[in-house]
Amino acid sequence: MYAVVVLQDSHEVMVAASNWLTLAKTRCFWPPFKSPEKCKEALMNRIEPSTAGNPWEMLNIHFQGEHGTWEEAQKARDAIIQAYHITGIIKRPKLENPQEMTRNMFNSPLVPSISRMPADDNEEILQMLKEIKSKVNENSTMLKQLLKKDSPVSDPAPTSTSTQPKIKCNLNLPLKTLEDVERTEQELRNAAMRKKYIKYLSGLGGFGPKYVVKNIMQGVLIDDLAVKFNWQGRCDKRPPSSLALADVIQDAAFNRNITRENSQAEIKKYLGNIADRINRKRLRESGLGAENPN
């Protein structure tokens, strides 16, 4: 006997020898032959599902029905393909190009014609279509992620805070004067505005505590203002540790999985190195210094 099955991974409608199916009819052995003719010969002869004593690959399937002859099974398979516009082939294709895979999936719409099928089969086929749709959506998401990883992505930390970050912002950042800091402190008394600052700052990018905090600090203060602060307020400088803005910076870093302890340490380092960074910047602008990423 011969069975009509749908392969779960590729959603191809296939004819398989009944002795290739498991007892539960949820999995099926499949021949490893590269030649379609050899696959068909194995199918027609219903040979044992092994080669040189090694069992064939086993695939997950949706069982559609059993038929006494290969011709009857082939007709049933063709009817399902015609009704649902599903491409069924003997040899499973291998698509190496993710974009080609996406194109093939969506250029073969699964448009049902349930009126052509027996009423008893409708529920089973509808369930199969739901599973196919779910699988296509899942594959589409995975392919988009793969294509995104393959694309060149740059996430550079700003080298100067004299320009606004590329992310759209209506928060008047970075701050340029102490008056701007006082104004921002008043704004941060409003819970909704505080959330807005945290959301914006946590989206400035960076990898690891150093660059996450660096991007946030450069998004908050220009260098000429940052040099007026150190964490404890020593040497006649202002202590950001007493400001609500410091809590917002640490909350934004926390949203990027940076602990408050680590973000506080990086803020201290950032403010401690700001004078040197300004000097290097001036040297670069005068043409006397080399570029330094720190």
Protein backbone atom coordinates (compact mmCIF):
# COMPACT_ATOMS: atom_id res chain seq x y z
CA MET A 1 0.00 0.00 0.00
CA TYR A 2 0.95 3.64 -0.48
CA ALA A 3 0.35 6.68 1.73
CA VAL A 4 -0.13 10.34 0.88
CA VAL A 5 1.72 12.54 3.37
CA VAL A 6 2.70 16.20 3.84
CA LEU A 7 6.25 16.80 5.05
CA GLN A 8 6.14 19.13 8.05
CA ASP A 9 9.45 20.84 7.33
CA SER A 10 8.88 21.67 3.67
CA HIS A 11 5.09 21.23 3.35
CA GLU A 12 5.52 19.11 0.23
CA VAL A 13 2.76 16.66 -0.65
CA MET A 14 4.35 13.25 -1.22
CA VAL A 15 3.55 9.60 -1.90
CA ALA A 16 5.39 7.18 0.37
CA ALA A 17 5.36 3.43 0.78
CA SER A 18 3.15 2.48 3.73
CA ASN A 19 5.96 0.42 5.25
CA TRP A 20 8.04 3.61 5.51
CA LEU A 21 5.60 5.10 8.05
CA THR A 22 5.74 4.59 11.80
CA LEU A 23 2.80 2.92 13.53
CA ALA A 24 1.48 6.28 14.72
CA LYS A 25 1.78 7.61 11.15
CA THR A 26 3.39 10.83 12.35
CA ARG A 27 6.87 10.11 10.95
CA CYS A 28 8.18 8.60 7.77
CA PHE A 29 11.51 7.19 6.57
CA TRP A 30 12.75 8.89 3.40
CA PRO A 31 15.29 7.55 0.89
CA PRO A 32 18.66 9.33 0.75
CA PHE A 33 19.10 8.89 -3.01
CA LYS A 34 19.97 12.00 -5.01
CA SER A 35 18.49 10.61 -8.21
CA PRO A 36 14.69 11.14 -8.55
CA GLU A 37 14.54 7.96 -10.64
CA LYS A 38 16.14 5.93 -7.88
CA CYS A 39 13.79 7.44 -5.30
CA LYS A 40 10.81 6.53 -7.45
CA GLU A 41 12.13 3.01 -7.97
CA ALA A 42 12.46 2.55 -4.21
CA LEU A 43 8.95 3.87 -3.75
CA MET A 44 7.37 1.70 -6.43
CA ASN A 45 9.05 -1.43 -5.04
CA ARG A 46 8.35 -0.42 -1.42
CA ILE A 47 11.83 -1.50 -0.40
CA GLU A 48 12.90 -1.66 3.23
CA PRO A 49 13.80 1.84 4.54
CA SER A 50 17.51 1.26 4.98
CA THR A 51 20.71 1.22 2.92
CA ALA A 52 23.50 -1.21 3.79
CA GLY A 53 21.81 -1.81 7.12
CA ASN A 54 21.65 1.92 7.97
CA PRO A 55 18.11 3.28 8.49
CA TRP A 56 17.08 6.21 6.31
CA GLU A 57 16.45 9.71 7.58
CA MET A 58 13.12 10.01 9.39
CA LEU A 59 10.86 13.02 8.69
CA ASN A 60 7.87 14.44 10.54
CA ILE A 61 4.69 14.23 8.47
CA HIS A 62 0.96 14.90 8.31
CA PHE A 63 -0.72 11.67 7.22
CA GLN A 64 -3.40 12.22 4.54
CA GLY A 65 -4.57 8.72 3.67
CA GLU A 66 -3.65 5.27 2.36
CA HIS A 67 -4.33 3.74 -1.05
CA GLY A 68 -4.01 0.26 -2.51
CA THR A 69 -1.98 1.19 -5.59
CA TRP A 70 0.63 3.78 -6.47
CA GLU A 71 -1.67 5.19 -9.17
CA GLU A 72 -4.49 5.79 -6.67
CA ALA A 73 -2.10 7.43 -4.22
CA GLN A 74 -0.69 9.62 -7.00
CA LYS A 75 -4.18 10.77 -8.01
CA ALA A 76 -5.01 11.64 -4.38
CA ARG A 77 -1.74 13.56 -4.09
CA ASP A 78 -2.41 15.46 -7.32
CA ALA A 79 -5.92 16.34 -6.12
CA ILE A 80 -4.54 17.90 -2.94
CA ILE A 81 -1.89 19.82 -4.91
CA GLN A 82 -4.49 21.07 -7.39
CA ALA A 83 -6.92 22.09 -4.67
CA TYR A 84 -4.34 23.92 -2.57
CA HIS A 85 -1.80 24.95 -5.17
CA ILE A 86 0.96 23.21 -3.20
CA THR A 87 4.05 22.12 -5.09
CA GLY A 88 4.84 18.43 -4.47
CA ILE A 89 7.97 16.76 -5.82
CA ILE A 90 9.74 13.45 -5.30
CA LYS A 91 13.12 14.94 -4.33
CA ARG A 92 13.19 17.57 -1.61
CA PRO A 93 14.86 20.77 -2.88
CA LYS A 94 17.70 22.54 -1.09
CA LEU A 95 17.54 26.32 -1.36
CA GLU A 96 20.88 27.84 -0.39
CA ASN A 97 19.87 31.47 -0.80
CA PRO A 98 17.64 32.76 2.05
CA GLN A 99 16.11 35.41 -0.24
CA GLU A 100 15.24 32.71 -2.79
CA MET A 101 13.67 30.64 -0.01
CA THR A 102 11.51 33.57 1.07
CA ARG A 103 10.49 34.27 -2.51
CA ASN A 104 9.49 30.66 -3.16
CA MET A 105 7.48 30.44 0.04
CA PHE A 106 5.41 33.51 -0.73
CA ASN A 107 5.07 33.02 -4.47
CA SER A 108 3.17 29.76 -3.86
CA PRO A 109 0.00 30.92 -2.07
CA LEU A 110 -1.93 28.25 -0.26
CA VAL A 111 -5.37 29.12 -1.60
CA PRO A 112 -7.85 26.43 -0.59
CA SER A 113 -10.72 25.11 -2.66
CA ILE A 114 -12.41 23.15 0.08
CA SER A 115 -15.56 22.62 -1.96
CA ARG A 116 -13.57 20.14 -4.08
CA MET A 117 -12.62 18.00 -1.08
CA PRO A 118 -14.78 15.53 0.84
CA ALA A 119 -16.52 17.14 3.82
CA ASP A 120 -14.86 14.75 6.26
CA ASP A 121 -11.43 15.96 5.17
CA ASN A 122 -12.14 19.68 5.57
CA GLU A 123 -11.30 19.92 9.27
CA GLU A 124 -8.04 18.01 8.88
CA ILE A 125 -6.98 20.08 5.87
CA LEU A 126 -7.84 23.37 7.57
CA GLN A 127 -5.69 22.32 10.51
CA MET A 128 -2.88 21.48 8.10
CA LEU A 129 -3.16 24.94 6.49
CA LYS A 130 -3.00 26.63 9.89
CA GLU A 131 0.18 24.74 10.67
CA ILE A 132 1.63 25.63 7.27
CA LYS A 133 0.84 29.31 7.80
CA SER A 134 2.42 29.23 11.26
CA LYS A 135 5.54 27.56 9.85
CA VAL A 136 5.82 30.10 7.02
CA ASN A 137 5.55 33.00 9.50
CA GLU A 138 8.16 31.39 11.72
CA ASN A 139 10.54 30.84 8.79
CA SER A 140 10.00 34.39 7.58
CA THR A 141 10.99 35.80 10.97
CA MET A 142 14.10 33.61 11.11
CA LEU A 143 15.12 34.61 7.57
CA LYS A 144 14.75 38.31 8.34
CA GLN A 145 17.00 37.87 11.36
CA LEU A 146 19.59 35.99 9.29
CA LEU A 147 19.55 38.60 6.53
CA LYS A 148 19.88 41.35 9.14
CA LYS A 149 22.92 39.62 10.65
CA ASP A 150 24.50 39.26 7.19
CA SER A 151 24.03 42.97 6.44
CA PRO A 152 26.78 45.39 7.50
CA VAL A 153 25.49 47.16 10.58
CA SER A 154 27.26 50.07 12.17
CA ASP A 155 26.59 51.19 15.71
CA PRO A 156 29.33 53.75 16.26
CA ALA A 157 29.55 55.71 19.46
CA PRO A 158 29.40 59.45 18.76
CA THR A 159 32.88 60.98 18.79
CA SER A 160 31.56 64.37 19.77
CA THR A 161 28.47 65.55 21.60
CA SER A 162 28.41 68.84 19.77
CA THR A 163 25.91 67.28 17.35
CA GLN A 164 22.56 65.72 18.11
CA PRO A 165 22.29 61.87 18.06
CA LYS A 166 20.86 60.39 14.90
CA ILE A 167 17.81 59.11 16.80
CA LYS A 168 14.93 61.55 16.64
CA CYS A 169 14.65 63.41 19.92
CA ASN A 170 12.47 66.29 21.10
CA LEU A 171 14.05 66.47 24.57
CA ASN A 172 16.57 69.23 23.77
CA LEU A 173 19.51 66.92 24.27
CA PRO A 174 22.45 66.97 24.69
CA LEU A 175 22.44 69.60 27.44
CA LYS A 176 24.80 72.50 26.83
CA THR A 177 24.62 74.67 29.95
CA LEU A 178 24.02 74.38 33.68
CA GLU A 179 20.72 76.16 33.07
CA ASP A 180 19.75 73.28 30.77
CA VAL A 181 20.57 70.89 33.61
CA GLU A 182 18.32 72.77 36.03
CA ARG A 183 15.50 72.83 33.48
CA THR A 184 15.86 69.09 32.93
CA GLU A 185 15.79 68.44 36.69
CA GLN A 186 12.42 70.19 36.81
CA GLU A 187 11.14 68.11 33.88
CA LEU A 188 12.22 64.88 35.54
CA ARG A 189 9.84 65.49 38.43
CA ASN A 190 7.12 64.42 35.99
CA ALA A 191 6.92 60.60 35.87
CA ALA A 192 5.80 60.51 32.22
CA MET A 193 8.65 62.80 31.15
CA ARG A 194 11.12 60.69 33.15
CA LYS A 195 10.01 57.55 31.27
CA LYS A 196 10.43 59.44 28.01
CA TYR A 197 14.05 60.32 28.85
CA ILE A 198 14.82 56.74 29.91
CA LYS A 199 13.29 55.28 26.75
CA TYR A 200 15.25 57.63 24.50
CA LEU A 201 18.59 57.21 26.27
CA SER A 202 18.33 53.42 26.43
CA GLY A 203 17.97 53.39 22.64
CA LEU A 204 21.31 55.05 21.89
CA GLY A 205 23.04 51.71 21.35
CA GLY A 206 26.45 50.37 22.25
CA PHE A 207 27.83 47.00 23.37
CA GLY A 208 28.98 46.39 26.93
CA PRO A 209 28.89 48.74 29.94
CA LYS A 210 31.62 51.08 28.65
CA TYR A 211 30.03 51.92 25.31
CA VAL A 212 26.41 51.84 26.48
CA VAL A 213 27.18 54.38 29.23
CA LYS A 214 29.46 56.39 26.93
CA ASN A 215 26.71 56.76 24.33
CA ILE A 216 24.21 57.77 27.01
CA MET A 217 26.57 60.33 28.56
CA GLN A 218 27.38 61.82 25.17
CA GLY A 219 23.66 61.95 24.46
CA VAL A 220 23.04 63.84 27.72
CA LEU A 221 25.95 66.30 28.06
CA ILE A 222 28.25 68.03 25.61
CA ASP A 223 31.92 67.70 26.56
CA ASP A 224 32.28 71.35 27.64
CA LEU A 225 29.45 70.84 30.15
CA ALA A 226 30.47 67.34 31.28
CA VAL A 227 33.91 68.65 32.31
CA LYS A 228 32.18 70.68 35.04
CA PHE A 229 31.08 67.50 36.85
CA ASN A 230 32.66 64.68 38.78
CA TRP A 231 30.82 62.01 40.76
CA GLN A 232 31.55 63.37 44.27
CA GLY A 233 31.73 67.06 43.34
CA ARG A 234 35.40 67.49 44.22
CA CYS A 235 37.61 70.38 43.04
CA ASP A 236 34.71 72.84 42.83
CA LYS A 237 32.88 70.62 40.35
CA ARG A 238 29.22 69.65 40.53
CA PRO A 239 28.25 66.14 41.69
CA PRO A 240 25.89 64.40 39.24
CA SER A 241 25.24 61.80 41.94
CA SER A 242 22.83 64.26 43.57
CA LEU A 243 20.83 64.82 40.37
CA ALA A 244 17.70 63.02 39.19
CA LEU A 245 19.43 62.96 35.80
CA ALA A 246 22.03 60.54 37.19
CA ASP A 247 19.26 58.12 38.20
CA VAL A 248 17.73 58.41 34.73
CA ILE A 249 21.11 57.62 33.13
CA GLN A 250 21.51 54.53 35.31
CA ASP A 251 17.90 53.43 34.65
CA ALA A 252 18.51 53.76 30.90
CA ALA A 253 21.67 51.66 31.21
CA PHE A 254 19.77 49.13 33.30
CA ASN A 255 17.33 48.75 30.39
CA ARG A 256 20.39 47.63 28.38
CA ASN A 257 21.19 44.97 31.02
CA ILE A 258 23.88 47.09 32.72
CA THR A 259 23.73 46.94 36.52
CA ARG A 260 23.61 50.19 38.49
CA GLU A 261 26.98 49.35 40.03
CA ASN A 262 28.59 48.94 36.61
CA SER A 263 26.90 52.00 35.11
CA GLN A 264 27.96 54.13 38.08
CA ALA A 265 31.56 52.96 37.67
CA GLU A 266 31.48 53.82 33.95
CA ILE A 267 30.00 57.28 34.65
CA LYS A 268 32.89 57.97 37.04
CA LYS A 269 35.43 56.87 34.42
CA TYR A 270 33.72 58.91 31.71
CA LEU A 271 33.76 62.10 33.78
CA GLY A 272 37.31 61.42 34.97
CA ASN A 273 38.58 61.19 31.37
CA ILE A 274 36.58 64.07 29.91
CA ALA A 275 39.37 66.67 30.18
CA ASP A 276 41.79 64.43 28.30
CA ARG A 277 39.12 63.75 25.67
CA ILE A 278 38.60 67.49 25.14
CA ASN A 279 42.35 68.01 24.76
CA ARG A 280 42.61 65.20 22.22
CA LYS A 281 39.68 66.63 20.32
CA ARG A 282 41.34 70.03 20.12
CA LEU A 283 44.58 68.42 18.94
CA ARG A 284 42.71 66.55 16.22
CA GLU A 285 40.92 69.70 15.11
CA SER A 286 44.24 71.54 14.92
CA GLY A 287 45.78 68.66 12.95
CA LEU A 288 48.38 67.92 15.64
CA GLY A 289 46.94 64.70 17.09
CA ALA A 290 45.90 61.26 15.89
CA GLU A 291 42.42 59.86 16.17
CA ASN A 292 41.79 58.06 19.49
CA PRO A 293 38.53 56.13 19.93
CA ASN A 294 38.50 56.65 23.71
